[in-house]
N, C-alpha and C. Protein backbone atom coordinates (compact mmCIF):
# COMPACT_ATOMS: atom_id res chain seq x y z
N MET A 1 -33.69 -24.71 -16.06
CA MET A 1 -33.30 -23.67 -15.27
C MET A 1 -31.98 -24.05 -14.50
N ILE A 2 -31.05 -23.18 -14.51
CA ILE A 2 -29.76 -23.36 -13.85
C ILE A 2 -29.75 -22.93 -12.47
N GLU A 3 -29.08 -23.43 -11.42
CA GLU A 3 -29.08 -22.94 -10.12
C GLU A 3 -27.87 -22.10 -9.77
N ASN A 4 -26.72 -22.60 -10.02
CA ASN A 4 -25.46 -21.91 -9.61
C ASN A 4 -24.76 -21.22 -10.76
N TYR A 5 -25.01 -19.89 -10.81
CA TYR A 5 -24.35 -19.18 -11.94
C TYR A 5 -23.69 -17.99 -11.31
N GLY A 6 -22.68 -17.43 -11.99
CA GLY A 6 -22.03 -16.22 -11.56
C GLY A 6 -21.58 -15.39 -12.53
N LEU A 7 -20.91 -14.33 -11.98
CA LEU A 7 -20.31 -13.27 -13.01
C LEU A 7 -19.30 -14.03 -13.88
N ASP A 8 -19.46 -13.44 -15.20
CA ASP A 8 -18.54 -13.99 -16.23
C ASP A 8 -18.84 -15.43 -16.69
N ASP A 9 -19.96 -16.04 -16.15
CA ASP A 9 -20.19 -17.33 -16.69
C ASP A 9 -20.82 -17.25 -18.07
N ILE A 10 -20.71 -18.21 -18.91
CA ILE A 10 -21.33 -18.37 -20.23
C ILE A 10 -22.45 -19.19 -20.15
N VAL A 11 -23.61 -18.72 -20.58
CA VAL A 11 -24.97 -19.49 -20.58
C VAL A 11 -25.65 -19.62 -21.80
N GLU A 12 -26.37 -20.54 -22.06
CA GLU A 12 -27.26 -20.57 -23.26
C GLU A 12 -28.67 -20.37 -22.89
N MET A 13 -29.35 -19.49 -23.74
CA MET A 13 -30.68 -19.09 -23.33
C MET A 13 -31.66 -19.97 -24.31
N LYS A 14 -32.98 -20.06 -23.91
CA LYS A 14 -33.83 -20.87 -24.65
C LYS A 14 -34.06 -20.30 -26.12
N LYS A 15 -34.14 -19.00 -26.24
CA LYS A 15 -34.36 -18.31 -27.56
C LYS A 15 -33.00 -17.82 -27.94
N GLU A 16 -32.81 -17.95 -29.29
CA GLU A 16 -31.72 -17.34 -29.94
C GLU A 16 -31.83 -15.87 -30.19
N HIS A 17 -30.75 -15.15 -30.06
CA HIS A 17 -30.75 -13.55 -30.17
C HIS A 17 -31.01 -13.27 -31.65
N PRO A 18 -31.77 -12.24 -32.02
CA PRO A 18 -32.06 -11.94 -33.40
C PRO A 18 -30.87 -11.84 -34.25
N CYS A 19 -29.64 -11.60 -33.81
CA CYS A 19 -28.46 -11.48 -34.76
C CYS A 19 -28.08 -12.69 -35.33
N HIS A 20 -28.61 -13.92 -34.73
CA HIS A 20 -28.30 -15.24 -35.32
C HIS A 20 -26.92 -15.72 -35.35
N LYS A 21 -26.04 -14.92 -34.73
CA LYS A 21 -24.57 -15.22 -34.73
C LYS A 21 -24.25 -16.11 -33.55
N ALA A 22 -25.04 -16.11 -32.52
CA ALA A 22 -24.60 -17.09 -31.19
C ALA A 22 -25.80 -17.23 -30.38
N LYS A 23 -25.87 -18.25 -29.74
CA LYS A 23 -26.92 -18.64 -28.67
C LYS A 23 -26.37 -18.50 -27.37
N THR A 24 -25.02 -18.07 -27.24
CA THR A 24 -24.40 -18.01 -25.90
C THR A 24 -24.35 -16.62 -25.45
N TRP A 25 -24.43 -16.35 -24.19
CA TRP A 25 -24.35 -15.11 -23.47
C TRP A 25 -23.52 -15.16 -22.33
N LYS A 26 -22.87 -14.01 -22.05
CA LYS A 26 -22.00 -13.86 -20.89
C LYS A 26 -22.58 -13.05 -19.81
N ILE A 27 -22.57 -13.37 -18.58
CA ILE A 27 -23.15 -12.62 -17.51
C ILE A 27 -22.23 -11.55 -17.14
N ILE A 28 -22.54 -10.23 -17.24
CA ILE A 28 -21.72 -9.26 -16.91
C ILE A 28 -22.02 -8.41 -15.76
N ARG A 29 -23.20 -8.55 -15.21
CA ARG A 29 -23.68 -7.87 -13.97
C ARG A 29 -24.72 -8.77 -13.33
N MET A 30 -24.64 -8.82 -11.93
CA MET A 30 -25.43 -9.60 -11.14
C MET A 30 -26.00 -8.75 -9.95
N GLY A 31 -27.29 -8.95 -9.74
CA GLY A 31 -27.90 -8.14 -8.54
C GLY A 31 -29.34 -8.68 -8.53
N ALA A 32 -30.20 -7.63 -8.18
CA ALA A 32 -31.66 -7.94 -8.36
C ALA A 32 -31.95 -8.12 -9.81
N ASP A 33 -31.14 -7.41 -10.72
CA ASP A 33 -31.29 -7.56 -12.12
C ASP A 33 -30.00 -8.22 -12.62
N ILE A 34 -30.08 -8.89 -13.66
CA ILE A 34 -28.85 -9.51 -14.37
C ILE A 34 -28.75 -8.98 -15.68
N LYS A 35 -27.58 -8.68 -16.02
CA LYS A 35 -27.14 -8.11 -17.33
C LYS A 35 -26.28 -9.12 -18.10
N ILE A 36 -26.79 -9.53 -19.43
CA ILE A 36 -26.03 -10.40 -20.12
C ILE A 36 -25.70 -9.85 -21.54
N LYS A 37 -24.61 -10.29 -21.99
CA LYS A 37 -23.80 -9.79 -23.27
C LYS A 37 -23.95 -10.85 -24.32
N CYS A 38 -24.46 -10.62 -25.48
CA CYS A 38 -24.57 -11.56 -26.66
C CYS A 38 -23.08 -11.99 -27.00
N GLN A 39 -22.66 -13.11 -27.20
CA GLN A 39 -21.36 -13.39 -27.64
C GLN A 39 -21.17 -13.35 -29.07
N GLY A 40 -22.19 -13.13 -29.86
CA GLY A 40 -22.16 -12.84 -31.26
C GLY A 40 -21.91 -11.41 -31.76
N CYS A 41 -22.91 -10.67 -31.30
CA CYS A 41 -22.98 -9.17 -31.75
C CYS A 41 -22.52 -8.16 -30.58
N GLY A 42 -22.57 -8.63 -29.33
CA GLY A 42 -22.05 -7.72 -28.29
C GLY A 42 -23.19 -6.96 -27.74
N ALA A 43 -24.50 -7.30 -28.25
CA ALA A 43 -25.72 -6.47 -27.64
C ALA A 43 -25.84 -6.91 -26.10
N VAL A 44 -26.21 -5.89 -25.29
CA VAL A 44 -26.41 -6.09 -23.98
C VAL A 44 -27.80 -6.02 -23.59
N VAL A 45 -28.33 -6.95 -22.79
CA VAL A 45 -29.76 -7.10 -22.34
C VAL A 45 -29.70 -7.20 -20.82
N MET A 46 -30.53 -6.36 -20.20
CA MET A 46 -30.77 -6.51 -18.72
C MET A 46 -32.18 -6.98 -18.34
N MET A 47 -32.26 -7.86 -17.47
CA MET A 47 -33.56 -8.60 -17.10
C MET A 47 -33.61 -8.84 -15.63
N GLU A 48 -34.86 -9.07 -15.03
CA GLU A 48 -34.98 -9.34 -13.79
C GLU A 48 -34.44 -10.79 -13.44
N ARG A 49 -33.90 -11.12 -12.39
CA ARG A 49 -33.27 -12.38 -11.98
C ARG A 49 -34.33 -13.53 -12.22
N ARG A 50 -35.64 -13.38 -11.88
CA ARG A 50 -36.64 -14.35 -12.04
C ARG A 50 -36.83 -14.60 -13.54
N GLU A 51 -36.84 -13.66 -14.32
CA GLU A 51 -37.00 -13.74 -15.76
C GLU A 51 -35.80 -14.46 -16.38
N PHE A 52 -34.59 -14.10 -15.93
CA PHE A 52 -33.35 -14.75 -16.35
C PHE A 52 -33.40 -16.19 -16.09
N GLU A 53 -33.75 -16.57 -14.90
CA GLU A 53 -33.69 -18.07 -14.51
C GLU A 53 -34.79 -18.80 -15.22
N ARG A 54 -35.90 -18.04 -15.70
CA ARG A 54 -36.90 -18.87 -16.54
C ARG A 54 -36.43 -19.00 -17.92
N LYS A 55 -35.76 -18.00 -18.40
CA LYS A 55 -35.21 -18.04 -19.90
C LYS A 55 -33.94 -18.91 -20.12
N CYS A 56 -33.10 -19.04 -18.99
CA CYS A 56 -31.81 -19.68 -19.27
C CYS A 56 -32.10 -21.20 -19.50
N LYS A 57 -31.31 -21.81 -20.34
CA LYS A 57 -31.51 -23.01 -20.77
C LYS A 57 -30.39 -23.97 -19.96
N ARG A 58 -29.15 -23.49 -20.10
CA ARG A 58 -27.96 -24.35 -19.46
C ARG A 58 -26.79 -23.61 -19.26
N MET A 59 -25.87 -24.00 -18.57
CA MET A 59 -24.56 -23.45 -18.36
C MET A 59 -23.60 -24.06 -19.41
N ILE A 60 -22.93 -23.26 -20.05
CA ILE A 60 -21.92 -23.56 -21.15
C ILE A 60 -20.56 -23.67 -20.67
N GLN A 61 -20.25 -22.63 -19.85
CA GLN A 61 -18.86 -22.45 -19.30
C GLN A 61 -18.77 -21.70 -18.09
N ARG A 62 -18.21 -22.28 -16.94
CA ARG A 62 -18.08 -21.45 -15.74
C ARG A 62 -16.76 -20.53 -15.76
N ALA A 63 -16.84 -19.23 -15.32
CA ALA A 63 -15.72 -18.49 -15.34
C ALA A 63 -14.69 -18.83 -14.27
N GLU A 64 -13.59 -18.69 -14.61
CA GLU A 64 -12.46 -19.14 -13.66
C GLU A 64 -12.46 -18.13 -12.48
N ARG A 65 -12.57 -18.79 -11.28
CA ARG A 65 -12.65 -18.02 -10.09
C ARG A 65 -11.26 -18.01 -9.46
N SER A 66 -10.84 -16.94 -9.01
CA SER A 66 -9.48 -16.81 -8.36
C SER A 66 -9.59 -17.24 -6.86
N GLU A 67 -8.44 -17.63 -6.27
CA GLU A 67 -8.47 -17.97 -4.91
C GLU A 67 -9.10 -16.85 -3.91
N GLU A 68 -8.79 -15.58 -4.46
CA GLU A 68 -9.22 -14.53 -3.39
C GLU A 68 -10.76 -14.36 -3.55
N THR A 69 -11.39 -14.60 -4.74
CA THR A 69 -12.72 -14.51 -4.85
C THR A 69 -13.65 -15.70 -4.06
N SER A 70 -12.95 -16.88 -4.18
CA SER A 70 -13.63 -17.97 -3.42
C SER A 70 -13.43 -17.82 -1.87
N ALA A 71 -12.43 -17.17 -1.49
CA ALA A 71 -12.07 -16.89 0.04
C ALA A 71 -13.29 -15.95 0.53
N GLU A 72 -13.60 -15.06 -0.36
CA GLU A 72 -14.62 -13.99 0.13
C GLU A 72 -16.07 -14.53 0.23
N GLU A 73 -16.21 -15.57 -0.64
CA GLU A 73 -17.65 -16.22 -0.60
C GLU A 73 -17.78 -17.03 0.58
């Protein structure tokens, strides 16, 4: 389980998507639910945050955060 993840980060899930094109996903929405997009076929999946944290294997790439975004946090 990964701890610090954010919008536009690329993550690897424990199970591969049925398209078999990629094991990586991009986080496209965050809130109580998290929406992720398959980097292979573009399919979008929405799941509860708890389920996402359980199914996520590791962080592949962090999104570049602008100075404006980091100042707001």
